[in-house]
Amino acid sequence: MLVLITYDVSVLTKQGQRRLRHIAKTCLDYGMRVQNSVFECEVAPDQWVTLKQALLETYHPEEDSLRFYMLGSKGRRKVEHFGAKPAPDALRDTLIL
């Protein structure tokens, strides 16, 4: 299923900067960055549980915010992109790791 993850992390402290890096790295483990704090993640239901739990354990709800948009198994068809920096399609494009 396709999940869109967005976040806003307070970076006024070193701990906040660390949380920001950790959240971005966690999202990169499951998907691709499409904008600075926006990731598209194609995940199986069990992967989604693990990813969501990791993010919720990292952020601080008093200072940060996380948003999850569940686009489902046909979510890719619901995405339209215009402008610079087209994001590769993880299911169709060749990715070099």
C-alpha atoms as a PDB file:
ATOM      1  CA  MET A   1       0.000   0.000   0.000  1.00  0.00           C
ATOM      2  CA  LEU A   2       1.113   3.558  -0.626  1.00  0.00           C
ATOM      3  CA  VAL A   3       1.510   5.796   2.428  1.00  0.00           C
ATOM      4  CA  LEU A   4       2.440   9.456   2.261  1.00  0.00           C
ATOM      5  CA  ILE A   5       4.348  10.568   5.357  1.00  0.00           C
ATOM      6  CA  THR A   6       4.910  14.208   6.242  1.00  0.00           C
ATOM      7  CA  TYR A   7       6.581  15.613   9.305  1.00  0.00           C
ATOM      8  CA  ASP A   8       7.597  18.835  10.975  1.00  0.00           C
ATOM      9  CA  VAL A   9      10.305  18.518  13.615  1.00  0.00           C
ATOM     10  CA  SER A  10      11.504  21.337  15.840  1.00  0.00           C
ATOM     11  CA  VAL A  11      15.245  21.767  15.233  1.00  0.00           C
ATOM     12  CA  LEU A  12      15.953  24.457  17.814  1.00  0.00           C
ATOM     13  CA  THR A  13      17.986  21.982  19.884  1.00  0.00           C
ATOM     14  CA  LYS A  14      20.590  19.339  19.072  1.00  0.00           C
ATOM     15  CA  GLN A  15      18.072  16.690  20.157  1.00  0.00           C
ATOM     16  CA  GLY A  16      15.556  18.074  17.648  1.00  0.00           C
ATOM     17  CA  GLN A  17      18.135  18.029  14.868  1.00  0.00           C
ATOM     18  CA  ARG A  18      18.924  14.410  15.800  1.00  0.00           C
ATOM     19  CA  ARG A  19      15.208  13.492  15.727  1.00  0.00           C
ATOM     20  CA  LEU A  20      14.854  15.105  12.301  1.00  0.00           C
ATOM     21  CA  ARG A  21      17.741  13.050  10.893  1.00  0.00           C
ATOM     22  CA  HIS A  22      16.442   9.859  12.520  1.00  0.00           C
ATOM     23  CA  ILE A  23      12.910  10.320  11.166  1.00  0.00           C
ATOM     24  CA  ALA A  24      14.241  11.034   7.652  1.00  0.00           C
ATOM     25  CA  LYS A  25      16.539   7.991   7.766  1.00  0.00           C
ATOM     26  CA  THR A  26      13.709   5.769   8.974  1.00  0.00           C
ATOM     27  CA  CYS A  27      11.467   6.969   6.142  1.00  0.00           C
ATOM     28  CA  LEU A  28      14.271   6.399   3.608  1.00  0.00           C
ATOM     29  CA  ASP A  29      14.477   2.781   4.770  1.00  0.00           C
ATOM     30  CA  TYR A  30      10.900   2.276   3.522  1.00  0.00           C
ATOM     31  CA  GLY A  31      10.386   4.771   0.723  1.00  0.00           C
ATOM     32  CA  MET A  32      11.642   7.779  -1.146  1.00  0.00           C
ATOM     33  CA  ARG A  33      11.773  11.472  -0.397  1.00  0.00           C
ATOM     34  CA  VAL A  34       9.549  13.472  -2.747  1.00  0.00           C
ATOM     35  CA  GLN A  35       9.970  16.820  -0.952  1.00  0.00           C
ATOM     36  CA  ASN A  36      12.036  17.956   2.029  1.00  0.00           C
ATOM     37  CA  SER A  37       9.808  16.485   4.733  1.00  0.00           C
ATOM     38  CA  VAL A  38       7.555  14.325   2.559  1.00  0.00           C
ATOM     39  CA  PHE A  39       8.049  10.645   1.771  1.00  0.00           C
ATOM     40  CA  GLU A  40       6.136   8.157  -0.375  1.00  0.00           C
ATOM     41  CA  CYS A  41       6.414   4.665   1.061  1.00  0.00           C
ATOM     42  CA  GLU A  42       5.198   1.467  -0.607  1.00  0.00           C
ATOM     43  CA  VAL A  43       4.806  -0.935   2.304  1.00  0.00           C
ATOM     44  CA  ALA A  44       3.137  -4.192   3.191  1.00  0.00           C
ATOM     45  CA  PRO A  45       0.783  -4.051   6.183  1.00  0.00           C
ATOM     46  CA  ASP A  46       3.356  -5.594   8.542  1.00  0.00           C
ATOM     47  CA  GLN A  47       6.023  -3.134   7.347  1.00  0.00           C
ATOM     48  CA  TRP A  48       3.602  -0.278   7.938  1.00  0.00           C
ATOM     49  CA  VAL A  49       3.131  -1.318  11.577  1.00  0.00           C
ATOM     50  CA  THR A  50       6.911  -1.383  12.090  1.00  0.00           C
ATOM     51  CA  LEU A  51       7.509   1.931  10.290  1.00  0.00           C
ATOM     52  CA  LYS A  52       4.729   3.773  12.098  1.00  0.00           C
ATOM     53  CA  GLN A  53       5.855   2.477  15.493  1.00  0.00           C
ATOM     54  CA  ALA A  54       9.460   3.563  14.824  1.00  0.00           C
ATOM     55  CA  LEU A  55       8.337   7.074  13.864  1.00  0.00           C
ATOM     56  CA  LEU A  56       5.992   7.421  16.835  1.00  0.00           C
ATOM     57  CA  GLU A  57       8.785   6.347  19.173  1.00  0.00           C
ATOM     58  CA  THR A  58      11.128   8.984  17.722  1.00  0.00           C
ATOM     59  CA  TYR A  59       9.087  12.174  17.527  1.00  0.00           C
ATOM     60  CA  HIS A  60       8.148  14.393  20.487  1.00  0.00           C
ATOM     61  CA  PRO A  61       4.416  15.194  20.314  1.00  0.00           C
ATOM     62  CA  GLU A  62       4.863  18.431  22.291  1.00  0.00           C
ATOM     63  CA  GLU A  63       7.253  19.840  19.660  1.00  0.00           C
ATOM     64  CA  ASP A  64       6.899  17.806  16.454  1.00  0.00           C
ATOM     65  CA  SER A  65       4.136  16.576  14.184  1.00  0.00           C
ATOM     66  CA  LEU A  66       3.682  13.544  11.964  1.00  0.00           C
ATOM     67  CA  ARG A  67       0.982  13.037   9.336  1.00  0.00           C
ATOM     68  CA  PHE A  68       0.162   9.785   7.577  1.00  0.00           C
ATOM     69  CA  TYR A  69      -1.955   9.685   4.416  1.00  0.00           C
ATOM     70  CA  MET A  70      -3.096   6.171   3.599  1.00  0.00           C
ATOM     71  CA  LEU A  71      -3.466   6.034  -0.191  1.00  0.00           C
ATOM     72  CA  GLY A  72      -3.908   2.258  -0.314  1.00  0.00           C
ATOM     73  CA  SER A  73      -2.866  -0.372  -2.813  1.00  0.00           C
ATOM     74  CA  LYS A  74      -4.007   1.718  -5.792  1.00  0.00           C
ATOM     75  CA  GLY A  75      -2.584   4.936  -4.388  1.00  0.00           C
ATOM     76  CA  ARG A  76      -0.004   5.379  -7.132  1.00  0.00           C
ATOM     77  CA  ARG A  77      -2.858   6.083  -9.579  1.00  0.00           C
ATOM     78  CA  LYS A  78      -4.066   8.903  -7.320  1.00  0.00           C
ATOM     79  CA  VAL A  79      -0.795  10.836  -7.486  1.00  0.00           C
ATOM     80  CA  GLU A  80      -0.279  13.601 -10.021  1.00  0.00           C
ATOM     81  CA  HIS A  81       3.029  15.440 -10.196  1.00  0.00           C
ATOM     82  CA  PHE A  82       3.801  18.705 -11.973  1.00  0.00           C
ATOM     83  CA  GLY A  83       6.940  20.786 -11.988  1.00  0.00           C
ATOM     84  CA  ALA A  84      10.565  20.249 -11.096  1.00  0.00           C
ATOM     85  CA  LYS A  85      12.138  17.219  -9.472  1.00  0.00           C
ATOM     86  CA  PRO A  86       9.928  14.385 -10.685  1.00  0.00           C
ATOM     87  CA  ALA A  87      10.072  11.534  -8.198  1.00  0.00           C
ATOM     88  CA  PRO A  88      10.981   8.113  -9.552  1.00  0.00           C
ATOM     89  CA  ASP A  89       8.358   5.399  -9.339  1.00  0.00           C
ATOM     90  CA  ALA A  90       9.815   2.684  -7.105  1.00  0.00           C
ATOM     91  CA  LEU A  91       7.686   0.020  -8.771  1.00  0.00           C
ATOM     92  CA  ARG A  92       8.478   0.934 -12.389  1.00  0.00           C
ATOM     93  CA  ASP A  93      11.800   2.743 -12.501  1.00  0.00           C
ATOM     94  CA  THR A  94      15.200   1.136 -12.073  1.00  0.00           C
ATOM     95  CA  LEU A  95      16.847   2.098  -8.806  1.00  0.00           C
ATOM     96  CA  ILE A  96      20.541   1.602  -8.166  1.00  0.00           C
ATOM     97  CA  LEU A  97      21.337   0.802  -4.562  1.00  0.00           C
END
